[in-house]
């Protein structure tokens, strides 16, 4: 499994309904589990800044990570990006190979 970081920015319309955020989030998570059963979420954070949420998750490949981003956009995300994350120890090993 590969580690990914999902950075999500809500649309202005969804942001107007923050009281419904928990309900919307549960529906999003349910759809991710249905359509991407191999995805394992490690952490979920609300942010104050350019993005509204940060999720750390594991997925088998980039195609599944793309699905997670697309599901986020279908649930009201204005922007959803999945970034590849490499464990620091492995990053150092790769750097030593250069």
PDB file of N, CA and C in Angstrom:
ATOM      1  N   UNK A   1       0.845  -1.185   0.000  1.00  0.00           N
ATOM      2  CA  UNK A   1       0.000   0.000   0.000  1.00  0.00           C
ATOM      3  C   UNK A   1       0.887   1.243   0.000  1.00  0.00           C
ATOM      4  N   UNK A   2       0.434   2.250  -0.703  1.00  0.00           N
ATOM      5  CA  UNK A   2       1.131   3.523  -0.766  1.00  0.00           C
ATOM      6  C   UNK A   2       0.415   4.537   0.134  1.00  0.00           C
ATOM      7  N   UNK A   3       1.168   5.498   0.641  1.00  0.00           N
ATOM      8  CA  UNK A   3       0.586   6.540   1.481  1.00  0.00           C
ATOM      9  C   UNK A   3       0.299   7.771   0.622  1.00  0.00           C
ATOM     10  N   UNK A   4      -0.888   8.364   0.861  1.00  0.00           N
ATOM     11  CA  UNK A   4      -1.306   9.562   0.141  1.00  0.00           C
ATOM     12  C   UNK A   4      -1.813  10.596   1.134  1.00  0.00           C
ATOM     13  N   UNK A   5      -1.712  11.839   0.732  1.00  0.00           N
ATOM     14  CA  UNK A   5      -2.255  12.961   1.492  1.00  0.00           C
ATOM     15  C   UNK A   5      -3.349  13.582   0.639  1.00  0.00           C
ATOM     16  N   UNK A   6      -4.551  13.679   1.174  1.00  0.00           N
ATOM     17  CA  UNK A   6      -5.655  14.319   0.472  1.00  0.00           C
ATOM     18  C   UNK A   6      -5.855  15.706   1.056  1.00  0.00           C
ATOM     19  N   UNK A   7      -5.698  16.713   0.210  1.00  0.00           N
ATOM     20  CA  UNK A   7      -5.903  18.099   0.602  1.00  0.00           C
ATOM     21  C   UNK A   7      -7.219  18.551  -0.025  1.00  0.00           C
ATOM     22  N   UNK A   8      -8.155  19.004   0.810  1.00  0.00           N
ATOM     23  CA  UNK A   8      -9.490  19.348   0.329  1.00  0.00           C
ATOM     24  C   UNK A   8      -9.849  20.782   0.686  1.00  0.00           C
ATOM     25  N   UNK A   9     -10.377  21.479  -0.303  1.00  0.00           N
ATOM     26  CA  UNK A   9     -10.936  22.820  -0.116  1.00  0.00           C
ATOM     27  C   UNK A   9     -12.410  22.728  -0.483  1.00  0.00           C
ATOM     28  N   UNK A  10     -13.282  23.096   0.457  1.00  0.00           N
ATOM     29  CA  UNK A  10     -14.714  23.024   0.215  1.00  0.00           C
ATOM     30  C   UNK A  10     -15.167  24.133  -0.722  1.00  0.00           C
ATOM     31  N   UNK A  11     -16.236  23.861  -1.436  1.00  0.00           N
ATOM     32  CA  UNK A  11     -16.822  24.891  -2.291  1.00  0.00           C
ATOM     33  C   UNK A  11     -17.481  25.944  -1.407  1.00  0.00           C
ATOM     34  N   UNK A  12     -17.613  27.166  -1.892  1.00  0.00           N
ATOM     35  CA  UNK A  12     -18.277  28.212  -1.102  1.00  0.00           C
ATOM     36  C   UNK A  12     -19.704  27.812  -0.698  1.00  0.00           C
ATOM     37  N   UNK A  13     -20.407  27.097  -1.566  1.00  0.00           N
ATOM     38  CA  UNK A  13     -21.781  26.672  -1.253  1.00  0.00           C
ATOM     39  C   UNK A  13     -21.808  25.702  -0.078  1.00  0.00           C
ATOM     40  N   UNK A  14     -20.919  24.721  -0.082  1.00  0.00           N
ATOM     41  CA  UNK A  14     -20.860  23.753   1.020  1.00  0.00           C
ATOM     42  C   UNK A  14     -20.394  24.444   2.297  1.00  0.00           C
ATOM     43  N   UNK A  15     -19.483  25.390   2.183  1.00  0.00           N
ATOM     44  CA  UNK A  15     -18.976  26.104   3.357  1.00  0.00           C
ATOM     45  C   UNK A  15     -20.071  26.868   4.087  1.00  0.00           C
ATOM     46  N   UNK A  16     -21.130  27.227   3.372  1.00  0.00           N
ATOM     47  CA  UNK A  16     -22.242  27.933   4.006  1.00  0.00           C
ATOM     48  C   UNK A  16     -23.049  27.030   4.935  1.00  0.00           C
ATOM     49  N   UNK A  17     -22.865  25.726   4.828  1.00  0.00           N
ATOM     50  CA  UNK A  17     -23.653  24.754   5.594  1.00  0.00           C
ATOM     51  C   UNK A  17     -22.754  23.957   6.545  1.00  0.00           C
ATOM     52  N   UNK A  18     -21.965  24.648   7.330  1.00  0.00           N
ATOM     53  CA  UNK A  18     -21.022  23.967   8.217  1.00  0.00           C
ATOM     54  C   UNK A  18     -21.705  23.084   9.253  1.00  0.00           C
ATOM     55  N   UNK A  19     -22.936  23.428   9.647  1.00  0.00           N
ATOM     56  CA  UNK A  19     -23.647  22.591  10.621  1.00  0.00           C
ATOM     57  C   UNK A  19     -23.944  21.211  10.056  1.00  0.00           C
ATOM     58  N   UNK A  20     -23.983  21.087   8.744  1.00  0.00           N
ATOM     59  CA  UNK A  20     -24.241  19.800   8.091  1.00  0.00           C
ATOM     60  C   UNK A  20     -22.947  19.057   7.757  1.00  0.00           C
ATOM     61  N   UNK A  21     -21.818  19.610   8.155  1.00  0.00           N
ATOM     62  CA  UNK A  21     -20.519  19.052   7.782  1.00  0.00           C
ATOM     63  C   UNK A  21     -20.357  17.602   8.209  1.00  0.00           C
ATOM     64  N   UNK A  22     -20.771  17.250   9.412  1.00  0.00           N
ATOM     65  CA  UNK A  22     -20.606  15.876   9.894  1.00  0.00           C
ATOM     66  C   UNK A  22     -21.401  14.907   9.021  1.00  0.00           C
ATOM     67  N   UNK A  23     -22.611  15.282   8.675  1.00  0.00           N
ATOM     68  CA  UNK A  23     -23.469  14.430   7.842  1.00  0.00           C
ATOM     69  C   UNK A  23     -22.863  14.269   6.445  1.00  0.00           C
ATOM     70  N   UNK A  24     -22.399  15.365   5.871  1.00  0.00           N
ATOM     71  CA  UNK A  24     -21.778  15.323   4.545  1.00  0.00           C
ATOM     72  C   UNK A  24     -20.512  14.471   4.593  1.00  0.00           C
ATOM     73  N   UNK A  25     -19.730  14.636   5.644  1.00  0.00           N
ATOM     74  CA  UNK A  25     -18.501  13.863   5.807  1.00  0.00           C
ATOM     75  C   UNK A  25     -18.762  12.368   5.924  1.00  0.00           C
ATOM     76  N   UNK A  26     -19.803  12.001   6.649  1.00  0.00           N
ATOM     77  CA  UNK A  26     -20.139  10.571   6.783  1.00  0.00           C
ATOM     78  C   UNK A  26     -20.548   9.981   5.441  1.00  0.00           C
ATOM     79  N   UNK A  27     -21.322  10.737   4.657  1.00  0.00           N
ATOM     80  CA  UNK A  27     -21.742  10.259   3.334  1.00  0.00           C
ATOM     81  C   UNK A  27     -20.531  10.093   2.420  1.00  0.00           C
ATOM     82  N   UNK A  28     -19.602  11.058   2.494  1.00  0.00           N
ATOM     83  CA  UNK A  28     -18.380  10.981   1.697  1.00  0.00           C
ATOM     84  C   UNK A  28     -17.575   9.743   2.071  1.00  0.00           C
ATOM     85  N   UNK A  29     -17.372   9.522   3.376  1.00  0.00           N
ATOM     86  CA  UNK A  29     -16.583   8.391   3.838  1.00  0.00           C
ATOM     87  C   UNK A  29     -17.236   7.064   3.447  1.00  0.00           C
ATOM     88  N   UNK A  30     -18.546   7.001   3.551  1.00  0.00           N
ATOM     89  CA  UNK A  30     -19.272   5.791   3.171  1.00  0.00           C
ATOM     90  C   UNK A  30     -19.052   5.481   1.683  1.00  0.00           C
ATOM     91  N   UNK A  31     -19.135   6.512   0.842  1.00  0.00           N
ATOM     92  CA  UNK A  31     -18.931   6.288  -0.589  1.00  0.00           C
ATOM     93  C   UNK A  31     -17.490   5.875  -0.886  1.00  0.00           C
ATOM     94  N   UNK A  32     -16.527   6.480  -0.212  1.00  0.00           N
ATOM     95  CA  UNK A  32     -15.131   6.083  -0.409  1.00  0.00           C
ATOM     96  C   UNK A  32     -14.972   4.607  -0.055  1.00  0.00           C
ATOM     97  N   UNK A  33     -15.530   4.179   1.080  1.00  0.00           N
ATOM     98  CA  UNK A  33     -15.405   2.775   1.487  1.00  0.00           C
ATOM     99  C   UNK A  33     -16.108   1.836   0.509  1.00  0.00           C
ATOM    100  N   UNK A  34     -17.240   2.264  -0.055  1.00  0.00           N
ATOM    101  CA  UNK A  34     -17.956   1.433  -1.021  1.00  0.00           C
ATOM    102  C   UNK A  34     -17.205   1.306  -2.339  1.00  0.00           C
ATOM    103  N   UNK A  35     -16.671   2.421  -2.841  1.00  0.00           N
ATOM    104  CA  UNK A  35     -16.050   2.423  -4.159  1.00  0.00           C
ATOM    105  C   UNK A  35     -14.553   2.143  -4.133  1.00  0.00           C
ATOM    106  N   UNK A  36     -13.956   2.282  -2.970  1.00  0.00           N
ATOM    107  CA  UNK A  36     -12.514   2.052  -2.810  1.00  0.00           C
ATOM    108  C   UNK A  36     -12.291   1.241  -1.528  1.00  0.00           C
ATOM    109  N   UNK A  37     -12.722  -0.016  -1.500  1.00  0.00           N
ATOM    110  CA  UNK A  37     -12.679  -0.783  -0.252  1.00  0.00           C
ATOM    111  C   UNK A  37     -11.283  -1.014   0.317  1.00  0.00           C
ATOM    112  N   UNK A  38     -10.243  -0.866  -0.511  1.00  0.00           N
ATOM    113  CA  UNK A  38      -8.873  -1.078  -0.028  1.00  0.00           C
ATOM    114  C   UNK A  38      -8.275   0.134   0.663  1.00  0.00           C
ATOM    115  N   UNK A  39      -8.969   1.281   0.607  1.00  0.00           N
ATOM    116  CA  UNK A  39      -8.437   2.504   1.213  1.00  0.00           C
ATOM    117  C   UNK A  39      -8.536   2.418   2.733  1.00  0.00           C
ATOM    118  N   UNK A  40      -7.435   2.778   3.384  1.00  0.00           N
ATOM    119  CA  UNK A  40      -7.391   2.799   4.852  1.00  0.00           C
ATOM    120  C   UNK A  40      -7.002   4.208   5.295  1.00  0.00           C
ATOM    121  N   UNK A  41      -7.896   4.859   6.043  1.00  0.00           N
ATOM    122  CA  UNK A  41      -7.607   6.206   6.526  1.00  0.00           C
ATOM    123  C   UNK A  41      -6.795   6.127   7.812  1.00  0.00           C
ATOM    124  N   UNK A  42      -5.768   6.957   7.881  1.00  0.00           N
ATOM    125  CA  UNK A  42      -4.863   6.984   9.027  1.00  0.00           C
ATOM    126  C   UNK A  42      -5.159   8.178   9.922  1.00  0.00           C
ATOM    127  N   UNK A  43      -5.441   9.336   9.315  1.00  0.00           N
ATOM    128  CA  UNK A  43      -5.694  10.549  10.099  1.00  0.00           C
ATOM    129  C   UNK A  43      -6.558  11.510   9.305  1.00  0.00           C
ATOM    130  N   UNK A  44      -7.322  12.334  10.029  1.00  0.00           N
ATOM    131  CA  UNK A  44      -8.202  13.335   9.415  1.00  0.00           C
ATOM    132  C   UNK A  44      -8.104  14.610  10.248  1.00  0.00           C
ATOM    133  N   UNK A  45      -7.799  15.720   9.586  1.00  0.00           N
ATOM    134  CA  UNK A  45      -7.647  16.997  10.293  1.00  0.00           C
ATOM    135  C   UNK A  45      -8.438  18.090   9.588  1.00  0.00           C
ATOM    136  N   UNK A  46      -9.045  18.961  10.364  1.00  0.00           N
ATOM    137  CA  UNK A  46      -9.610  20.205   9.853  1.00  0.00           C
ATOM    138  C   UNK A  46      -8.491  21.246   9.931  1.00  0.00           C
ATOM    139  N   UNK A  47      -8.408  22.103   8.927  1.00  0.00           N
ATOM    140  CA  UNK A  47      -7.315  23.074   8.843  1.00  0.00           C
ATOM    141  C   UNK A  47      -7.844  24.500   8.813  1.00  0.00           C
ATOM    142  N   UNK A  48      -6.995  25.401   9.215  1.00  0.00           N
ATOM    143  CA  UNK A  48      -7.255  26.832   9.088  1.00  0.00           C
ATOM    144  C   UNK A  48      -6.216  27.363   8.126  1.00  0.00           C
ATOM    145  N   UNK A  49      -6.607  27.571   6.882  1.00  0.00           N
ATOM    146  CA  UNK A  49      -5.644  28.014   5.887  1.00  0.00           C
ATOM    147  C   UNK A  49      -6.193  27.827   4.493  1.00  0.00           C
ATOM    148  N   UNK A  50      -5.316  27.558   3.550  1.00  0.00           N
ATOM    149  CA  UNK A  50      -5.704  27.430   2.143  1.00  0.00           C
ATOM    150  C   UNK A  50      -6.594  26.228   1.880  1.00  0.00           C
ATOM    151  N   UNK A  51      -6.466  25.203   2.683  1.00  0.00           N
ATOM    152  CA  UNK A  51      -7.298  24.004   2.563  1.00  0.00           C
ATOM    153  C   UNK A  51      -8.140  23.857   3.823  1.00  0.00           C
ATOM    154  N   UNK A  52      -9.258  23.153   3.693  1.00  0.00           N
ATOM    155  CA  UNK A  52     -10.149  22.937   4.827  1.00  0.00           C
ATOM    156  C   UNK A  52      -9.862  21.635   5.565  1.00  0.00           C
ATOM    157  N   UNK A  53      -9.410  20.607   4.830  1.00  0.00           N
ATOM    158  CA  UNK A  53      -9.172  19.303   5.446  1.00  0.00           C
ATOM    159  C   UNK A  53      -7.917  18.657   4.885  1.00  0.00           C
ATOM    160  N   UNK A  54      -7.273  17.864   5.727  1.00  0.00           N
ATOM    161  CA  UNK A  54      -6.123  17.054   5.358  1.00  0.00           C
ATOM    162  C   UNK A  54      -6.417  15.636   5.817  1.00  0.00           C
ATOM    163  N   UNK A  55      -6.331  14.691   4.906  1.00  0.00           N
ATOM    164  CA  UNK A  55      -6.508  13.278   5.250  1.00  0.00           C
ATOM    165  C   UNK A  55      -5.265  12.521   4.829  1.00  0.00           C
ATOM    166  N   UNK A  56      -4.788  11.660   5.700  1.00  0.00           N
ATOM    167  CA  UNK A  56      -3.677  10.769   5.383  1.00  0.00           C
ATOM    168  C   UNK A  56      -4.290   9.387   5.234  1.00  0.00           C
ATOM    169  N   UNK A  57      -4.002   8.757   4.095  1.00  0.00           N
ATOM    170  CA  UNK A  57      -4.595   7.438   3.860  1.00  0.00           C
ATOM    171  C   UNK A  57      -3.669   6.569   3.038  1.00  0.00           C
ATOM    172  N   UNK A  58      -3.943   5.282   3.064  1.00  0.00           N
ATOM    173  CA  UNK A  58      -3.203   4.323   2.266  1.00  0.00           C
ATOM    174  C   UNK A  58      -4.124   3.780   1.191  1.00  0.00           C
ATOM    175  N   UNK A  59      -3.574   3.618   0.000  1.00  0.00           N
ATOM    176  CA  UNK A  59      -4.311   3.073  -1.128  1.00  0.00           C
ATOM    177  C   UNK A  59      -3.347   2.212  -1.946  1.00  0.00           C
ATOM    178  N   UNK A  60      -3.884   1.273  -2.694  1.00  0.00           N
ATOM    179  CA  UNK A  60      -2.991   0.383  -3.446  1.00  0.00           C
ATOM    180  C   UNK A  60      -2.237   1.057  -4.585  1.00  0.00           C
ATOM    181  N   UNK A  61      -2.780   2.153  -5.151  1.00  0.00           N
ATOM    182  CA  UNK A  61      -2.106   2.801  -6.282  1.00  0.00           C
ATOM    183  C   UNK A  61      -2.701   4.189  -6.539  1.00  0.00           C
ATOM    184  N   UNK A  62      -2.129   4.876  -7.523  1.00  0.00           N
ATOM    185  CA  UNK A  62      -2.532   6.241  -7.857  1.00  0.00           C
ATOM    186  C   UNK A  62      -3.950   6.301  -8.415  1.00  0.00           C
ATOM    187  N   UNK A  63      -4.390   5.257  -9.090  1.00  0.00           N
ATOM    188  CA  UNK A  63      -5.740   5.269  -9.655  1.00  0.00           C
ATOM    189  C   UNK A  63      -6.798   5.284  -8.550  1.00  0.00           C
ATOM    190  N   UNK A  64      -6.569   4.512  -7.507  1.00  0.00           N
ATOM    191  CA  UNK A  64      -7.508   4.521  -6.381  1.00  0.00           C
ATOM    192  C   UNK A  64      -7.452   5.877  -5.677  1.00  0.00           C
ATOM    193  N   UNK A  65      -6.260   6.450  -5.540  1.00  0.00           N
ATOM    194  CA  UNK A  65      -6.130   7.780  -4.938  1.00  0.00           C
ATOM    195  C   UNK A  65      -6.890   8.818  -5.767  1.00  0.00           C
ATOM    196  N   UNK A  66      -6.843   8.687  -7.085  1.00  0.00           N
ATOM    197  CA  UNK A  66      -7.589   9.607  -7.943  1.00  0.00           C
ATOM    198  C   UNK A  66      -9.088   9.475  -7.696  1.00  0.00           C
ATOM    199  N   UNK A  67      -9.561   8.255  -7.483  1.00  0.00           N
ATOM    200  CA  UNK A  67     -10.985   8.042  -7.177  1.00  0.00           C
ATOM    201  C   UNK A  67     -11.372   8.746  -5.886  1.00  0.00           C
ATOM    202  N   UNK A  68     -10.513   8.668  -4.882  1.00  0.00           N
ATOM    203  CA  UNK A  68     -10.796   9.328  -3.604  1.00  0.00           C
ATOM    204  C   UNK A  68     -10.954  10.836  -3.838  1.00  0.00           C
ATOM    205  N   UNK A  69     -10.071  11.426  -4.624  1.00  0.00           N
ATOM    206  CA  UNK A  69     -10.174  12.856  -4.937  1.00  0.00           C
ATOM    207  C   UNK A  69     -11.459  13.167  -5.689  1.00  0.00           C
ATOM    208  N   UNK A  70     -11.809  12.328  -6.661  1.00  0.00           N
ATOM    209  CA  UNK A  70     -13.024  12.557  -7.443  1.00  0.00           C
ATOM    210  C   UNK A  70     -14.282  12.424  -6.596  1.00  0.00           C
ATOM    211  N   UNK A  71     -14.286  11.474  -5.676  1.00  0.00           N
ATOM    212  CA  UNK A  71     -15.429  11.326  -4.764  1.00  0.00           C
ATOM    213  C   UNK A  71     -15.547  12.579  -3.905  1.00  0.00           C
ATOM    214  N   UNK A  72     -14.417  13.119  -3.469  1.00  0.00           N
ATOM    215  CA  UNK A  72     -14.432  14.351  -2.678  1.00  0.00           C
ATOM    216  C   UNK A  72     -15.049  15.495  -3.474  1.00  0.00           C
ATOM    217  N   UNK A  73     -14.673  15.608  -4.722  1.00  0.00           N
ATOM    218  CA  UNK A  73     -15.233  16.671  -5.555  1.00  0.00           C
ATOM    219  C   UNK A  73     -16.722  16.467  -5.800  1.00  0.00           C
ATOM    220  N   UNK A  74     -17.148  15.220  -5.904  1.00  0.00           N
ATOM    221  CA  UNK A  74     -18.577  14.967  -6.112  1.00  0.00           C
ATOM    222  C   UNK A  74     -19.406  15.257  -4.868  1.00  0.00           C
ATOM    223  N   UNK A  75     -18.732  15.399  -3.711  1.00  0.00           N
ATOM    224  CA  UNK A  75     -19.419  15.709  -2.453  1.00  0.00           C
ATOM    225  C   UNK A  75     -19.196  17.156  -2.021  1.00  0.00           C
ATOM    226  N   UNK A  76     -18.875  18.024  -2.963  1.00  0.00           N
ATOM    227  CA  UNK A  76     -18.823  19.445  -2.658  1.00  0.00           C
ATOM    228  C   UNK A  76     -17.456  20.057  -2.480  1.00  0.00           C
ATOM    229  N   UNK A  77     -16.411  19.312  -2.754  1.00  0.00           N
ATOM    230  CA  UNK A  77     -15.078  19.908  -2.672  1.00  0.00           C
ATOM    231  C   UNK A  77     -14.840  20.777  -3.897  1.00  0.00           C
ATOM    232  N   UNK A  78     -14.379  21.981  -3.665  1.00  0.00           N
ATOM    233  CA  UNK A  78     -14.004  22.884  -4.745  1.00  0.00           C
ATOM    234  C   UNK A  78     -12.699  22.407  -5.369  1.00  0.00           C
ATOM    235  N   UNK A  79     -11.826  21.879  -4.519  1.00  0.00           N
ATOM    236  CA  UNK A  79     -10.528  21.368  -4.938  1.00  0.00           C
ATOM    237  C   UNK A  79     -10.181  20.179  -4.055  1.00  0.00           C
ATOM    238  N   UNK A  80      -9.709  19.109  -4.667  1.00  0.00           N
ATOM    239  CA  UNK A  80      -9.269  17.929  -3.919  1.00  0.00           C
ATOM    240  C   UNK A  80      -8.035  17.374  -4.610  1.00  0.00           C
ATOM    241  N   UNK A  81      -6.933  17.333  -3.871  1.00  0.00           N
ATOM    242  CA  UNK A  81      -5.672  16.857  -4.422  1.00  0.00           C
ATOM    243  C   UNK A  81      -5.155  15.707  -3.576  1.00  0.00           C
ATOM    244  N   UNK A  82      -4.747  14.635  -4.244  1.00  0.00           N
ATOM    245  CA  UNK A  82      -4.096  13.530  -3.543  1.00  0.00           C
ATOM    246  C   UNK A  82      -2.618  13.561  -3.884  1.00  0.00           C
ATOM    247  N   UNK A  83      -1.799  13.701  -2.867  1.00  0.00           N
ATOM    248  CA  UNK A  83      -0.352  13.764  -3.034  1.00  0.00           C
ATOM    249  C   UNK A  83       0.269  12.457  -2.571  1.00  0.00           C
ATOM    250  N   UNK A  84       1.302  12.017  -3.272  1.00  0.00           N
ATOM    251  CA  UNK A  84       2.054  10.841  -2.850  1.00  0.00           C
ATOM    252  C   UNK A  84       2.942  11.220  -1.670  1.00  0.00           C
ATOM    253  N   UNK A  85       2.996  10.365  -0.686  1.00  0.00           N
ATOM    254  CA  UNK A  85       3.864  10.600   0.470  1.00  0.00           C
ATOM    255  C   UNK A  85       4.837   9.422   0.598  1.00  0.00           C
ATOM    256  N   UNK A  86       6.098   9.759   0.789  1.00  0.00           N
ATOM    257  CA  UNK A  86       7.134   8.742   0.951  1.00  0.00           C
ATOM    258  C   UNK A  86       7.634   8.817   2.386  1.00  0.00           C
ATOM    259  N   UNK A  87       7.683   7.688   3.097  1.00  0.00           N
ATOM    260  CA  UNK A  87       8.231   7.726   4.459  1.00  0.00           C
ATOM    261  C   UNK A  87       9.643   8.332   4.446  1.00  0.00           C
ATOM    262  N   UNK A  88       9.945   9.112   5.463  1.00  0.00           N
ATOM    263  CA  UNK A  88      11.208   9.839   5.503  1.00  0.00           C
ATOM    264  C   UNK A  88      12.410   8.903   5.394  1.00  0.00           C
ATOM    265  N   UNK A  89      12.361   7.783   6.089  1.00  0.00           N
ATOM    266  CA  UNK A  89      13.479   6.837   6.052  1.00  0.00           C
ATOM    267  C   UNK A  89      13.729   6.371   4.614  1.00  0.00           C
ATOM    268  N   UNK A  90      12.664   6.087   3.883  1.00  0.00           N
ATOM    269  CA  UNK A  90      12.809   5.653   2.487  1.00  0.00           C
ATOM    270  C   UNK A  90      13.329   6.807   1.624  1.00  0.00           C
ATOM    271  N   UNK A  91      12.890   8.017   1.894  1.00  0.00           N
ATOM    272  CA  UNK A  91      13.369   9.193   1.168  1.00  0.00           C
ATOM    273  C   UNK A  91      14.883   9.327   1.325  1.00  0.00           C
ATOM    274  N   UNK A  92      15.369   9.152   2.545  1.00  0.00           N
ATOM    275  CA  UNK A  92      16.809   9.242   2.811  1.00  0.00           C
ATOM    276  C   UNK A  92      17.551   8.129   2.060  1.00  0.00           C
ATOM    277  N   UNK A  93      16.981   6.935   2.048  1.00  0.00           N
ATOM    278  CA  UNK A  93      17.605   5.826   1.304  1.00  0.00           C
ATOM    279  C   UNK A  93      17.696   6.153  -0.184  1.00  0.00           C
ATOM    280  N   UNK A  94      16.623   6.729  -0.728  1.00  0.00           N
ATOM    281  CA  UNK A  94      16.635   7.102  -2.149  1.00  0.00           C
ATOM    282  C   UNK A  94      17.691   8.171  -2.415  1.00  0.00           C
ATOM    283  N   UNK A  95      17.808   9.137  -1.517  1.00  0.00           N
ATOM    284  CA  UNK A  95      18.794  10.204  -1.671  1.00  0.00           C
ATOM    285  C   UNK A  95      20.208   9.653  -1.666  1.00  0.00           C
ATOM    286  N   UNK A  96      20.442   8.624  -0.871  1.00  0.00           N
ATOM    287  CA  UNK A  96      21.767   8.005  -0.797  1.00  0.00           C
ATOM    288  C   UNK A  96      22.123   7.292  -2.083  1.00  0.00           C
ATOM    289  N   UNK A  97      21.116   6.917  -2.876  1.00  0.00           N
ATOM    290  CA  UNK A  97      21.361   6.210  -4.124  1.00  0.00           C
ATOM    291  C   UNK A  97      21.774   7.154  -5.262  1.00  0.00           C
ATOM    292  N   UNK A  98      21.631   8.443  -5.036  1.00  0.00           N
ATOM    293  CA  UNK A  98      21.935   9.418  -6.098  1.00  0.00           C
ATOM    294  C   UNK A  98      23.436   9.654  -6.189  1.00  0.00           C
TER     295      UNK A  98
END
